[in-house]
Amino acid sequence: MGKTIAADGIIIGSPAYSANCSPATQVLMQRADHARRASGTPLMGKVGAAVISGGGAGAVRALDRINHWFRINEMIVVESGSGIVGAGRDAGAVDHDEAGLATMGTLGRAMARMLNLTTA
């Protein structure tokens, strides 16, 4: 949790998993909630972005779950339009997902702009 508290921005990525983010991502957010309750609001004002790989209704739910967690922690949420990327199952297939790469470029630029505003 120390690196998370020290960071200006946080990106949480997860595959779409049974109409939610992955169990590992859920555990990460739940454990951070315990730290938040113990120490106030250490993530308040930080910039957060969610990235989900995969598609379908599960991806929308996973993206929503992570963005809600950012908001509960009083973070500034940056979005890129969909935030859902990644086409293909094989290693390296995402390198050919032009729409996903464009989405990540948009997200990176938006996050950089917001970080420049909040840390200036």
N, C-alpha and C. Protein backbone atom coordinates (compact mmCIF):
# COMPACT_ATOMS: atom_id res chain seq x y z
N MET A 1 0.82 -1.19 0.00
CA MET A 1 0.00 0.00 0.00
C MET A 1 0.87 1.26 0.00
N GLY A 2 2.10 1.18 0.44
CA GLY A 2 2.97 2.33 0.52
C GLY A 2 3.22 2.98 -0.83
N LYS A 3 3.48 2.18 -1.87
CA LYS A 3 3.71 2.74 -3.21
C LYS A 3 2.43 3.37 -3.75
N THR A 4 1.30 2.79 -3.42
CA THR A 4 0.02 3.34 -3.86
C THR A 4 -0.20 4.70 -3.24
N ILE A 5 0.07 4.83 -1.97
CA ILE A 5 -0.12 6.11 -1.29
C ILE A 5 0.87 7.15 -1.81
N ALA A 6 2.07 6.73 -2.15
CA ALA A 6 3.08 7.66 -2.65
C ALA A 6 2.83 8.10 -4.10
N ALA A 7 2.09 7.32 -4.85
CA ALA A 7 1.86 7.62 -6.27
C ALA A 7 0.91 8.80 -6.46
N ASP A 8 1.11 9.53 -7.55
CA ASP A 8 0.18 10.60 -7.92
C ASP A 8 -1.02 10.03 -8.68
N GLY A 9 -0.79 8.96 -9.43
CA GLY A 9 -1.84 8.35 -10.22
C GLY A 9 -1.81 6.84 -10.10
N ILE A 10 -2.98 6.24 -10.28
CA ILE A 10 -3.12 4.78 -10.15
C ILE A 10 -3.93 4.26 -11.32
N ILE A 11 -3.41 3.24 -11.99
CA ILE A 11 -4.15 2.55 -13.03
C ILE A 11 -4.42 1.14 -12.53
N ILE A 12 -5.67 0.75 -12.53
CA ILE A 12 -6.03 -0.63 -12.17
C ILE A 12 -6.55 -1.30 -13.43
N GLY A 13 -5.92 -2.40 -13.78
CA GLY A 13 -6.34 -3.17 -14.94
C GLY A 13 -6.83 -4.54 -14.51
N SER A 14 -7.81 -5.04 -15.25
CA SER A 14 -8.36 -6.36 -14.93
C SER A 14 -8.99 -6.95 -16.18
N PRO A 15 -8.93 -8.28 -16.29
CA PRO A 15 -9.74 -8.89 -17.34
C PRO A 15 -11.21 -8.89 -16.89
N ALA A 16 -12.10 -8.90 -17.85
CA ALA A 16 -13.51 -9.09 -17.52
C ALA A 16 -13.65 -10.53 -17.03
N TYR A 17 -14.29 -10.71 -15.90
CA TYR A 17 -14.32 -12.02 -15.27
C TYR A 17 -15.69 -12.23 -14.64
N SER A 18 -16.52 -13.07 -15.22
CA SER A 18 -17.83 -13.39 -14.66
C SER A 18 -18.63 -12.14 -14.30
N ALA A 19 -18.75 -11.25 -15.25
CA ALA A 19 -19.52 -10.01 -15.09
C ALA A 19 -18.97 -9.12 -13.97
N ASN A 20 -17.65 -9.13 -13.80
CA ASN A 20 -17.02 -8.29 -12.79
C ASN A 20 -15.53 -8.21 -13.10
N CYS A 21 -14.77 -7.48 -12.28
CA CYS A 21 -13.33 -7.52 -12.39
C CYS A 21 -12.85 -8.84 -11.77
N SER A 22 -11.61 -9.16 -11.98
CA SER A 22 -11.09 -10.44 -11.50
C SER A 22 -11.13 -10.52 -9.98
N PRO A 23 -11.16 -11.73 -9.43
CA PRO A 23 -11.11 -11.87 -7.97
C PRO A 23 -9.86 -11.23 -7.36
N ALA A 24 -8.72 -11.31 -8.04
CA ALA A 24 -7.50 -10.69 -7.52
C ALA A 24 -7.66 -9.17 -7.44
N THR A 25 -8.30 -8.57 -8.43
CA THR A 25 -8.53 -7.12 -8.40
C THR A 25 -9.48 -6.76 -7.27
N GLN A 26 -10.51 -7.56 -7.07
CA GLN A 26 -11.45 -7.31 -5.99
C GLN A 26 -10.76 -7.38 -4.63
N VAL A 27 -9.87 -8.35 -4.45
CA VAL A 27 -9.13 -8.48 -3.19
C VAL A 27 -8.23 -7.26 -2.98
N LEU A 28 -7.55 -6.82 -4.05
CA LEU A 28 -6.71 -5.62 -3.94
C LEU A 28 -7.52 -4.44 -3.43
N MET A 29 -8.69 -4.21 -4.02
CA MET A 29 -9.51 -3.07 -3.62
C MET A 29 -10.04 -3.23 -2.20
N GLN A 30 -10.41 -4.45 -1.83
CA GLN A 30 -10.92 -4.68 -0.47
C GLN A 30 -9.83 -4.48 0.57
N ARG A 31 -8.63 -4.95 0.30
CA ARG A 31 -7.52 -4.76 1.25
C ARG A 31 -7.16 -3.29 1.38
N ALA A 32 -7.20 -2.57 0.27
CA ALA A 32 -6.94 -1.13 0.32
C ALA A 32 -8.03 -0.41 1.11
N ASP A 33 -9.26 -0.91 1.06
CA ASP A 33 -10.34 -0.31 1.86
C ASP A 33 -10.04 -0.42 3.35
N HIS A 34 -9.49 -1.53 3.78
CA HIS A 34 -9.13 -1.68 5.19
C HIS A 34 -8.07 -0.66 5.59
N ALA A 35 -7.08 -0.44 4.71
CA ALA A 35 -6.05 0.56 4.99
C ALA A 35 -6.65 1.96 5.02
N ARG A 36 -7.60 2.21 4.12
CA ARG A 36 -8.25 3.52 4.08
C ARG A 36 -9.01 3.78 5.37
N ARG A 37 -9.72 2.80 5.85
CA ARG A 37 -10.48 2.98 7.09
C ARG A 37 -9.55 3.22 8.29
N ALA A 38 -8.37 2.63 8.23
CA ALA A 38 -7.43 2.77 9.35
C ALA A 38 -6.69 4.10 9.33
N SER A 39 -6.56 4.71 8.14
CA SER A 39 -5.73 5.92 8.06
C SER A 39 -6.42 7.11 7.40
N GLY A 40 -7.71 7.13 7.37
CA GLY A 40 -8.40 8.27 6.76
C GLY A 40 -8.60 8.07 5.28
N THR A 41 -8.25 9.07 4.50
CA THR A 41 -8.44 9.00 3.05
C THR A 41 -7.12 9.23 2.31
N PRO A 42 -6.19 8.27 2.38
CA PRO A 42 -4.87 8.48 1.78
C PRO A 42 -4.88 8.57 0.26
N LEU A 43 -5.96 8.16 -0.40
CA LEU A 43 -6.00 8.20 -1.86
C LEU A 43 -6.75 9.42 -2.39
N MET A 44 -7.31 10.21 -1.51
CA MET A 44 -8.08 11.38 -1.92
C MET A 44 -7.25 12.31 -2.79
N GLY A 45 -7.84 12.72 -3.92
CA GLY A 45 -7.18 13.64 -4.83
C GLY A 45 -6.24 13.01 -5.83
N LYS A 46 -5.95 11.73 -5.68
CA LYS A 46 -5.09 11.05 -6.65
C LYS A 46 -5.89 10.79 -7.93
N VAL A 47 -5.21 10.63 -9.03
CA VAL A 47 -5.85 10.37 -10.32
C VAL A 47 -5.92 8.86 -10.53
N GLY A 48 -7.08 8.36 -10.92
CA GLY A 48 -7.26 6.93 -11.15
C GLY A 48 -7.84 6.64 -12.51
N ALA A 49 -7.42 5.53 -13.11
CA ALA A 49 -7.94 5.10 -14.40
C ALA A 49 -8.09 3.58 -14.38
N ALA A 50 -9.19 3.11 -14.92
CA ALA A 50 -9.45 1.67 -15.01
C ALA A 50 -9.28 1.21 -16.45
N VAL A 51 -8.71 0.02 -16.62
CA VAL A 51 -8.54 -0.59 -17.93
C VAL A 51 -9.03 -2.02 -17.83
N ILE A 52 -9.92 -2.40 -18.72
CA ILE A 52 -10.48 -3.75 -18.72
C ILE A 52 -10.16 -4.43 -20.04
N SER A 53 -9.65 -5.65 -19.97
CA SER A 53 -9.43 -6.42 -21.19
C SER A 53 -10.59 -7.38 -21.38
N GLY A 54 -11.00 -7.49 -22.61
CA GLY A 54 -12.14 -8.35 -22.93
C GLY A 54 -13.33 -7.52 -23.32
N GLY A 55 -14.39 -8.18 -23.62
CA GLY A 55 -15.58 -7.45 -24.07
C GLY A 55 -16.84 -8.02 -23.47
N GLY A 56 -17.95 -7.52 -23.94
CA GLY A 56 -19.25 -7.98 -23.48
C GLY A 56 -19.70 -7.27 -22.22
N ALA A 57 -20.84 -7.71 -21.71
CA ALA A 57 -21.44 -7.07 -20.54
C ALA A 57 -20.55 -7.17 -19.31
N GLY A 58 -19.78 -8.22 -19.18
CA GLY A 58 -18.88 -8.35 -18.04
C GLY A 58 -17.84 -7.26 -17.99
N ALA A 59 -17.39 -6.80 -19.16
CA ALA A 59 -16.38 -5.74 -19.21
C ALA A 59 -16.94 -4.42 -18.70
N VAL A 60 -18.16 -4.12 -19.05
CA VAL A 60 -18.78 -2.87 -18.58
C VAL A 60 -18.94 -2.91 -17.06
N ARG A 61 -19.35 -4.03 -16.52
CA ARG A 61 -19.51 -4.17 -15.07
C ARG A 61 -18.17 -4.06 -14.36
N ALA A 62 -17.13 -4.66 -14.91
CA ALA A 62 -15.80 -4.60 -14.30
C ALA A 62 -15.27 -3.17 -14.29
N LEU A 63 -15.45 -2.45 -15.40
CA LEU A 63 -15.02 -1.06 -15.47
C LEU A 63 -15.77 -0.22 -14.44
N ASP A 64 -17.05 -0.42 -14.34
CA ASP A 64 -17.88 0.31 -13.38
C ASP A 64 -17.45 0.04 -11.95
N ARG A 65 -17.12 -1.20 -11.64
CA ARG A 65 -16.72 -1.59 -10.28
C ARG A 65 -15.45 -0.86 -9.85
N ILE A 66 -14.46 -0.82 -10.73
CA ILE A 66 -13.21 -0.16 -10.40
C ILE A 66 -13.41 1.35 -10.29
N ASN A 67 -14.18 1.94 -11.22
CA ASN A 67 -14.42 3.38 -11.15
C ASN A 67 -15.19 3.77 -9.89
N HIS A 68 -16.11 2.93 -9.45
CA HIS A 68 -16.81 3.20 -8.19
C HIS A 68 -15.82 3.18 -7.03
N TRP A 69 -14.90 2.25 -7.05
CA TRP A 69 -13.91 2.18 -5.98
C TRP A 69 -13.07 3.45 -5.94
N PHE A 70 -12.67 3.95 -7.12
CA PHE A 70 -11.94 5.23 -7.16
C PHE A 70 -12.76 6.33 -6.52
N ARG A 71 -14.03 6.39 -6.86
CA ARG A 71 -14.88 7.47 -6.34
C ARG A 71 -15.10 7.34 -4.83
N ILE A 72 -15.25 6.13 -4.34
CA ILE A 72 -15.39 5.91 -2.89
C ILE A 72 -14.16 6.45 -2.17
N ASN A 73 -13.01 6.35 -2.80
CA ASN A 73 -11.75 6.83 -2.22
C ASN A 73 -11.48 8.29 -2.54
N GLU A 74 -12.48 8.99 -3.06
CA GLU A 74 -12.40 10.42 -3.35
C GLU A 74 -11.28 10.75 -4.32
N MET A 75 -11.12 9.87 -5.31
CA MET A 75 -10.09 10.06 -6.33
C MET A 75 -10.70 10.77 -7.54
N ILE A 76 -9.84 11.30 -8.39
CA ILE A 76 -10.24 11.92 -9.64
C ILE A 76 -10.20 10.82 -10.71
N VAL A 77 -11.33 10.54 -11.33
CA VAL A 77 -11.41 9.44 -12.29
C VAL A 77 -11.20 9.98 -13.71
N VAL A 78 -10.26 9.38 -14.41
CA VAL A 78 -9.97 9.73 -15.80
C VAL A 78 -10.46 8.57 -16.66
N GLU A 79 -11.16 8.92 -17.73
CA GLU A 79 -11.67 7.87 -18.62
C GLU A 79 -11.26 8.19 -20.06
N SER A 80 -11.34 7.18 -20.90
CA SER A 80 -10.91 7.32 -22.29
C SER A 80 -12.04 7.09 -23.26
N GLY A 81 -13.23 7.09 -22.82
CA GLY A 81 -14.36 6.71 -23.67
C GLY A 81 -14.87 5.39 -23.15
N SER A 82 -14.24 4.30 -23.56
CA SER A 82 -14.73 3.00 -23.09
C SER A 82 -13.85 2.40 -22.00
N GLY A 83 -12.54 2.51 -22.11
CA GLY A 83 -11.64 1.89 -21.15
C GLY A 83 -11.56 0.38 -21.29
N ILE A 84 -12.24 -0.14 -22.30
CA ILE A 84 -12.27 -1.59 -22.52
C ILE A 84 -11.41 -1.89 -23.74
N VAL A 85 -10.40 -2.71 -23.54
CA VAL A 85 -9.44 -2.98 -24.61
C VAL A 85 -9.12 -4.46 -24.68
N GLY A 86 -8.38 -4.81 -25.70
CA GLY A 86 -7.81 -6.15 -25.77
C GLY A 86 -8.66 -7.10 -26.58
N ALA A 87 -8.23 -7.36 -27.78
CA ALA A 87 -8.91 -8.33 -28.63
C ALA A 87 -7.95 -9.47 -28.90
N GLY A 88 -8.37 -10.68 -28.63
CA GLY A 88 -7.54 -11.83 -28.91
C GLY A 88 -7.11 -12.56 -27.66
N ARG A 89 -6.89 -13.84 -27.81
CA ARG A 89 -6.51 -14.66 -26.66
C ARG A 89 -5.03 -14.99 -26.64
N ASP A 90 -4.40 -14.96 -27.79
CA ASP A 90 -3.00 -15.37 -27.87
C ASP A 90 -2.07 -14.25 -27.43
N ALA A 91 -0.92 -14.63 -26.88
CA ALA A 91 0.09 -13.66 -26.47
C ALA A 91 0.46 -12.78 -27.66
N GLY A 92 0.48 -11.48 -27.44
CA GLY A 92 0.85 -10.55 -28.49
C GLY A 92 -0.30 -10.10 -29.38
N ALA A 93 -1.45 -10.74 -29.26
CA ALA A 93 -2.59 -10.38 -30.12
C ALA A 93 -3.06 -8.95 -29.86
N VAL A 94 -2.93 -8.51 -28.62
CA VAL A 94 -3.37 -7.16 -28.29
C VAL A 94 -2.54 -6.11 -29.03
N ASP A 95 -1.32 -6.45 -29.44
CA ASP A 95 -0.48 -5.52 -30.19
C ASP A 95 -1.10 -5.15 -31.54
N HIS A 96 -2.06 -5.95 -31.99
CA HIS A 96 -2.72 -5.70 -33.27
C HIS A 96 -4.12 -5.15 -33.09
N ASP A 97 -4.50 -4.85 -31.87
CA ASP A 97 -5.82 -4.28 -31.58
C ASP A 97 -5.72 -2.76 -31.70
N GLU A 98 -5.91 -2.26 -32.91
CA GLU A 98 -5.75 -0.83 -33.17
C GLU A 98 -6.70 0.02 -32.34
N ALA A 99 -7.93 -0.42 -32.18
CA ALA A 99 -8.89 0.35 -31.38
C ALA A 99 -8.46 0.38 -29.92
N GLY A 100 -7.99 -0.74 -29.41
CA GLY A 100 -7.53 -0.80 -28.02
C GLY A 100 -6.30 0.07 -27.80
N LEU A 101 -5.37 0.05 -28.74
CA LEU A 101 -4.17 0.89 -28.62
C LEU A 101 -4.53 2.37 -28.68
N ALA A 102 -5.49 2.72 -29.52
CA ALA A 102 -5.94 4.12 -29.60
C ALA A 102 -6.60 4.53 -28.29
N THR A 103 -7.39 3.63 -27.71
CA THR A 103 -8.05 3.91 -26.43
C THR A 103 -7.01 4.15 -25.35
N MET A 104 -5.97 3.32 -25.31
CA MET A 104 -4.92 3.49 -24.29
C MET A 104 -4.13 4.78 -24.51
N GLY A 105 -3.92 5.17 -25.76
CA GLY A 105 -3.26 6.44 -26.03
C GLY A 105 -4.09 7.61 -25.51
N THR A 106 -5.40 7.55 -25.75
CA THR A 106 -6.30 8.59 -25.25
C THR A 106 -6.28 8.63 -23.74
N LEU A 107 -6.33 7.47 -23.12
CA LEU A 107 -6.31 7.40 -21.66
C LEU A 107 -5.00 7.94 -21.09
N GLY A 108 -3.89 7.58 -21.69
CA GLY A 108 -2.59 8.06 -21.23
C GLY A 108 -2.47 9.58 -21.32
N ARG A 109 -2.94 10.14 -22.42
CA ARG A 109 -2.89 11.60 -22.57
C ARG A 109 -3.80 12.29 -21.56
N ALA A 110 -5.00 11.74 -21.35
CA ALA A 110 -5.93 12.33 -20.38
C ALA A 110 -5.37 12.26 -18.97
N MET A 111 -4.75 11.14 -18.63
CA MET A 111 -4.18 10.99 -17.30
C MET A 111 -3.00 11.94 -17.12
N ALA A 112 -2.16 12.08 -18.13
CA ALA A 112 -1.03 12.99 -18.04
C ALA A 112 -1.50 14.43 -17.86
N ARG A 113 -2.52 14.85 -18.59
CA ARG A 113 -3.06 16.21 -18.43
C ARG A 113 -3.57 16.43 -17.01
N MET A 114 -4.32 15.46 -16.50
CA MET A 114 -4.88 15.61 -15.15
C MET A 114 -3.78 15.60 -14.10
N LEU A 115 -2.79 14.75 -14.27
CA LEU A 115 -1.68 14.74 -13.31
C LEU A 115 -0.92 16.07 -13.33
N ASN A 116 -0.76 16.65 -14.49
CA ASN A 116 -0.10 17.96 -14.56
C ASN A 116 -0.92 19.02 -13.84
N LEU A 117 -2.24 18.93 -13.88
CA LEU A 117 -3.09 19.90 -13.20
C LEU A 117 -3.06 19.71 -11.68
N THR A 118 -3.07 18.44 -11.24
CA THR A 118 -3.18 18.18 -9.81
C THR A 118 -1.85 18.27 -9.08
N THR A 119 -0.73 18.13 -9.78
CA THR A 119 0.56 18.17 -9.10
C THR A 119 1.31 19.48 -9.36
N ALA A 120 0.70 20.36 -10.12
CA ALA A 120 1.36 21.65 -10.43
C ALA A 120 1.31 22.59 -9.25
